[in-house]
Protein backbone atom coordinates (compact mmCIF):
# COMPACT_ATOMS: atom_id res chain seq x y z
CA MET A 1 -5.34 -1.24 -20.18
CA ALA A 2 -5.79 -2.20 -16.70
CA TYR A 3 -2.56 -0.03 -15.96
CA MET A 4 -4.24 2.91 -17.24
CA GLY A 5 -7.24 2.84 -14.87
CA ASN A 6 -6.96 4.79 -11.53
CA GLY A 7 -4.32 7.30 -13.07
CA GLY A 8 -5.42 9.47 -10.26
CA LEU A 9 -4.32 7.30 -7.40
CA SER A 10 -0.52 7.75 -8.88
CA GLY A 11 -1.01 11.59 -9.41
CA PHE A 12 -2.25 11.57 -5.74
CA ALA A 13 0.41 9.78 -4.34
CA GLY A 14 3.06 12.05 -6.84
CA ILE A 15 1.52 15.30 -5.36
CA VAL A 16 1.58 14.05 -1.45
CA GLY A 17 5.27 12.79 -2.47
CA GLY A 18 6.07 16.22 -3.86
CA ALA A 19 4.63 18.21 -0.60
CA VAL A 20 6.45 16.08 1.69
CA GLY A 21 9.61 16.50 -0.55
CA ALA A 22 9.25 20.19 -0.88
CA TYR A 23 8.62 20.55 2.95
CA LEU A 24 11.76 18.44 3.90
CA GLY A 25 13.71 20.58 1.02
CA TYR A 26 12.69 23.56 2.64
CA THR A 27 13.19 22.77 6.03
CA TYR A 28 16.47 21.38 5.85
CA ALA A 29 18.18 23.63 3.10
CA GLY A 30 19.59 25.78 5.76
CA ALA A 31 22.25 23.03 6.70
CA VAL A 32 23.58 22.97 3.00
CA ASP A 33 25.75 26.22 2.49
CA ASP A 34 24.86 26.56 -1.64
CA ILE A 35 21.47 26.22 -1.37
CA THR A 36 18.50 28.20 -0.79
CA PRO A 37 15.46 27.07 0.99
CA VAL A 38 13.22 27.48 -2.21
CA GLN A 39 15.88 25.50 -4.28
CA GLY A 40 15.93 22.69 -1.80
CA ALA A 41 12.00 22.60 -1.83
CA LEU A 42 12.11 22.36 -5.74
CA ILE A 43 15.08 19.80 -6.02
CA LEU A 44 13.32 17.41 -3.53
CA GLY A 45 9.67 18.14 -4.24
CA GLY A 46 10.68 17.13 -7.72
CA ILE A 47 12.28 14.11 -6.48
CA GLY A 48 9.08 13.33 -4.24
CA LEU A 49 6.86 13.95 -7.07
CA VAL A 50 8.52 11.38 -9.11
CA ALA A 51 9.12 8.64 -6.53
CA GLY A 52 5.56 8.93 -5.12
CA SER A 53 3.80 8.43 -8.66
CA LEU A 54 6.12 5.37 -9.35
CA GLY A 55 5.81 4.11 -6.25
CA ALA A 56 1.91 3.98 -6.59
CA PHE A 57 2.10 2.48 -10.11
CA ILE A 58 4.36 -0.24 -9.09
CA LEU A 59 2.65 -1.07 -5.89
CA LYS A 60 -0.79 -0.90 -8.30
CA SER A 61 0.80 -3.08 -10.95
CA ALA A 62 2.22 -5.54 -8.61
CA MET A 63 -1.22 -5.66 -6.61
CA GLN A 64 -3.07 -6.63 -10.02
CA PHE A 65 -0.22 -9.58 -11.00
CA ILE A 66 -0.85 -10.87 -7.31
CA ILE A 67 -4.61 -10.82 -7.68
CA TYR A 68 -4.27 -12.75 -11.40
CA LEU A 69 -1.80 -15.26 -9.88
CA VAL A 70 -4.53 -16.11 -6.93
CA LEU A 71 -6.98 -16.31 -9.70
CA LEU A 72 -5.13 -18.78 -11.91
CA LEU A 73 -4.07 -20.83 -8.84
CA GLY A 74 -7.62 -21.08 -8.09
CA VAL A 75 -8.74 -22.42 -11.20
CA ALA A 76 -5.54 -24.67 -11.26
CA TYR A 77 -6.73 -25.97 -7.64
CA PHE A 78 -10.16 -26.56 -8.46
CA PHE A 79 -9.95 -28.14 -12.10
CA ARG A 80 -6.76 -30.29 -11.02
CA GLU A 81 -8.31 -33.35 -11.99
CA GLN A 82 -9.19 -32.22 -15.45
CA ILE A 83 -5.62 -30.44 -15.91
CA GLU A 84 -4.15 -33.76 -15.10
CA SER A 85 -6.14 -35.96 -17.22
CA LEU A 86 -4.89 -33.18 -20.13
CA THR A 87 -1.58 -32.97 -19.21
CA GLY A 88 -0.50 -35.85 -17.05
CA VAL A 89 0.51 -33.47 -14.30
CA ASN A 90 -1.00 -32.62 -11.03
CA PRO A 91 -1.04 -28.60 -10.69
CA VAL A 92 -0.87 -29.02 -6.94
CA ASP A 93 2.08 -31.43 -6.89
CA ALA A 94 3.78 -29.16 -9.32
CA LEU A 95 3.32 -26.19 -7.12
CA ASN A 96 4.46 -28.14 -4.29
CA ALA A 97 7.44 -29.09 -5.91
CA ALA A 98 8.34 -25.67 -7.22
CA LEU A 99 8.06 -24.05 -3.68
CA GLU A 100 10.38 -27.05 -2.06
CA ARG A 101 13.02 -25.60 -4.66
CA PHE A 102 13.16 -22.47 -2.52
CA GLY A 103 12.65 -24.18 0.91
CA LEU A 104 8.90 -23.68 1.01
CA SER A 105 6.02 -26.05 0.88
CA LEU A 106 2.11 -25.75 0.81
CA PRO A 107 0.70 -25.95 4.15
CA GLY A 108 -1.62 -28.67 4.81
CA TYR A 109 -0.43 -30.86 1.84
CA ASP A 110 -0.85 -34.22 1.92
CA GLY A 111 1.28 -35.70 -1.08
CA ASP A 112 -1.88 -36.78 -3.06
CA GLY A 113 -2.86 -33.35 -4.51
CA ASN A 114 -5.18 -32.42 -1.65
CA ILE A 115 -4.71 -29.57 0.65
CA LYS A 116 -6.18 -30.16 3.90
CA VAL A 117 -7.99 -26.53 5.42
CA GLY A 118 -9.23 -26.51 8.76
CA PRO A 119 -8.90 -28.36 12.23
CA ASP A 120 -8.48 -32.42 12.01
CA GLU A 121 -11.73 -34.47 12.82
CA GLY A 122 -11.66 -37.90 14.15
């Protein structure tokens, strides 16, 4: 049901995309021989409407996925000792190993399941 919230955002983005598409279609239809400015506005306006609303929907869905991913990683980090005692796997080590497969690593990772944040003291 989270995808149904803020449906007005996708609608507004579709209207803006449709308006931009209609303006471009009306303006540049003169460069094409068989299309009148009204036809160009209708064609590119329809494409802009669909593309704008689809883009807003995808962006909203992607941001919700990223927020849930950050929340999951936060819970896994703060309860890593309990997770390790239950499963035998340190979630920070597992995440770092997965990232290293893609050529990435956690910044400040010390290899013991801890991430150092802030300047070094001492």
